[in-house]
C-alpha atoms as a PDB file:
ATOM      1  CA  MET A   1      92.724 103.415 117.388  1.00  0.00           C
ATOM      2  CA  THR A   2      93.751 106.403 116.184  1.00  0.00           C
ATOM      3  CA  LEU A   3      92.675 108.914 114.392  1.00  0.00           C
ATOM      4  CA  PHE A   4      94.411 107.724 111.623  1.00  0.00           C
ATOM      5  CA  GLU A   5      93.549 104.195 111.889  1.00  0.00           C
ATOM      6  CA  ARG A   6      89.644 105.605 111.888  1.00  0.00           C
ATOM      7  CA  ILE A   7      90.052 107.315 108.818  1.00  0.00           C
ATOM      8  CA  GLU A   8      91.763 104.471 107.218  1.00  0.00           C
ATOM      9  CA  ARG A   9      88.893 102.076 108.538  1.00  0.00           C
ATOM     10  CA  LEU A  10      86.238 104.626 107.400  1.00  0.00           C
ATOM     11  CA  ARG A  11      88.204 105.043 103.719  1.00  0.00           C
ATOM     12  CA  GLU A  12      87.707 100.910 103.628  1.00  0.00           C
ATOM     13  CA  HIS A  13      84.407 100.347 104.371  1.00  0.00           C
ATOM     14  CA  VAL A  14      83.232 103.365 101.937  1.00  0.00           C
ATOM     15  CA  GLY A  15      85.442 101.804  99.443  1.00  0.00           C
ATOM     16  CA  ARG A  16      83.102  98.792  99.228  1.00  0.00           C
ATOM     17  CA  PHE A  17      80.513 101.103  97.679  1.00  0.00           C
ATOM     18  CA  ALA A  18      79.982 101.795  94.360  1.00  0.00           C
ATOM     19  CA  ASN A  19      77.844 105.306  94.828  1.00  0.00           C
ATOM     20  CA  ALA A  20      76.706 107.370  97.500  1.00  0.00           C
ATOM     21  CA  ARG A  21      72.848 106.457  97.157  1.00  0.00           C
ATOM     22  CA  LEU A  22      74.550 103.055  98.744  1.00  0.00           C
ATOM     23  CA  LEU A  23      76.624 104.315 101.442  1.00  0.00           C
ATOM     24  CA  THR A  24      73.350 106.165 102.262  1.00  0.00           C
ATOM     25  CA  GLY A  25      71.262 103.637 102.087  1.00  0.00           C
ATOM     26  CA  GLU A  26      73.673 101.795 104.396  1.00  0.00           C
ATOM     27  CA  LEU A  27      74.360 104.256 106.891  1.00  0.00           C
ATOM     28  CA  GLY A  28      70.454 104.339 107.919  1.00  0.00           C
ATOM     29  CA  ARG A  29      70.453 100.151 108.640  1.00  0.00           C
ATOM     30  CA  ASN A  30      74.171 100.687 110.478  1.00  0.00           C
ATOM     31  CA  ALA A  31      74.255 102.368 113.265  1.00  0.00           C
ATOM     32  CA  GLU A  32      77.801 101.862 114.188  1.00  0.00           C
ATOM     33  CA  LEU A  33      79.253 103.124 110.907  1.00  0.00           C
ATOM     34  CA  LYS A  34      76.863 106.169 111.880  1.00  0.00           C
ATOM     35  CA  ASN A  35      77.793 106.993 114.586  1.00  0.00           C
ATOM     36  CA  GLU A  36      81.686 106.497 113.738  1.00  0.00           C
ATOM     37  CA  VAL A  37      81.926 108.883 110.630  1.00  0.00           C
ATOM     38  CA  LYS A  38      80.295 111.252 113.121  1.00  0.00           C
ATOM     39  CA  GLN A  39      82.201 110.520 115.945  1.00  0.00           C
ATOM     40  CA  LEU A  40      85.163 111.078 113.087  1.00  0.00           C
ATOM     41  CA  TYR A  41      83.681 114.604 111.807  1.00  0.00           C
ATOM     42  CA  SER A  42      83.810 116.114 115.480  1.00  0.00           C
ATOM     43  CA  LEU A  43      87.245 115.048 116.132  1.00  0.00           C
ATOM     44  CA  VAL A  44      88.075 116.626 112.305  1.00  0.00           C
ATOM     45  CA  PHE A  45      85.415 120.036 111.751  1.00  0.00           C
ATOM     46  CA  GLY A  46      85.224 120.475 115.388  1.00  0.00           C
ATOM     47  CA  ARG A  47      81.888 120.588 115.025  1.00  0.00           C
ATOM     48  CA  GLN A  48      78.685 118.274 116.028  1.00  0.00           C
ATOM     49  CA  LEU A  49      77.222 116.456 112.899  1.00  0.00           C
ATOM     50  CA  THR A  50      73.259 116.472 112.467  1.00  0.00           C
ATOM     51  CA  GLY A  51      71.169 116.556 109.994  1.00  0.00           C
ATOM     52  CA  CYS A  52      69.521 112.924 107.299  1.00  0.00           C
ATOM     53  CA  LEU A  53      71.442 110.440 106.050  1.00  0.00           C
ATOM     54  CA  HIS A  54      72.525 112.235 102.971  1.00  0.00           C
ATOM     55  CA  CYS A  55      73.941 115.315 105.330  1.00  0.00           C
ATOM     56  CA  ILE A  56      75.656 112.340 107.450  1.00  0.00           C
ATOM     57  CA  ALA A  57      77.473 110.383 103.398  1.00  0.00           C
ATOM     58  CA  ASP A  58      78.819 113.922 102.374  1.00  0.00           C
ATOM     59  CA  ALA A  59      79.922 114.185 105.663  1.00  0.00           C
ATOM     60  CA  VAL A  60      81.769 110.781 104.986  1.00  0.00           C
ATOM     61  CA  PHE A  61      83.158 112.572 101.935  1.00  0.00           C
ATOM     62  CA  GLU A  62      84.390 115.906 103.409  1.00  0.00           C
ATOM     63  CA  ILE A  63      86.080 113.876 105.996  1.00  0.00           C
ATOM     64  CA  LEU A  64      87.973 111.445 103.578  1.00  0.00           C
ATOM     65  CA  ASN A  65      88.992 114.114 101.165  1.00  0.00           C
ATOM     66  CA  ASN A  66      89.458 116.810 103.418  1.00  0.00           C
ATOM     67  CA  LYS A  67      93.251 117.884 102.770  1.00  0.00           C
ATOM     68  CA  ASN A  68      94.441 117.822 106.518  1.00  0.00           C
ATOM     69  CA  THR A  69      93.024 113.851 106.900  1.00  0.00           C
ATOM     70  CA  MET A  70      94.184 113.127 103.706  1.00  0.00           C
ATOM     71  CA  GLY A  71      97.666 113.554 103.990  1.00  0.00           C
ATOM     72  CA  LEU A  72      97.898 111.922 107.386  1.00  0.00           C
ATOM     73  CA  LYS A  73     100.961 109.058 108.208  1.00  0.00           C
ATOM     74  CA  PRO A  74     100.996 106.600 111.274  1.00  0.00           C
ATOM     75  CA  ILE A  75     102.941 108.185 113.548  1.00  0.00           C
ATOM     76  CA  GLU A  76     106.733 106.957 113.508  1.00  0.00           C
ATOM     77  CA  TYR A  77     108.126 107.740 116.690  1.00  0.00           C
ATOM     78  CA  LEU A  78     107.709 107.495 120.347  1.00  0.00           C
ATOM     79  CA  LEU A  79     108.385 109.980 122.980  1.00  0.00           C
ATOM     80  CA  PRO A  80     109.933 108.414 126.178  1.00  0.00           C
ATOM     81  CA  ALA A  81     107.022 108.971 129.220  1.00  0.00           C
ATOM     82  CA  SER A  82     109.227 111.820 130.853  1.00  0.00           C
ATOM     83  CA  ALA A  83     109.904 113.931 127.830  1.00  0.00           C
ATOM     84  CA  LEU A  84     109.108 117.764 128.343  1.00  0.00           C
ATOM     85  CA  LEU A  85     107.854 119.452 124.412  1.00  0.00           C
ATOM     86  CA  HIS A  86     108.596 123.587 124.699  1.00  0.00           C
ATOM     87  CA  GLU A  87     107.138 125.772 122.748  1.00  0.00           C
ATOM     88  CA  HIS A  88     109.276 127.069 120.388  1.00  0.00           C
ATOM     89  CA  ARG A  89     109.481 130.807 120.554  1.00  0.00           C
ATOM     90  CA  ASN A  90     111.107 133.573 118.251  1.00  0.00           C
END
């Protein structure tokens, strides 16, 4: 599953809760959701997420409202297996 798909799945899941308090309660009950948030946070921000459930709930909103993840779109092209990528230099 791509990063885009994982964030969209998180966005759909979080949309079911009316407020942050309900989301925090769900994070306490749902270990799979909690682990997914921690993994996504690590991928998006490059650092480990530690702390209480409120910190993890805040991280959900950081992930969803980050300017780098808000504009993510699915990849519409594929590179052939033999394609070489070259760094452009001026």
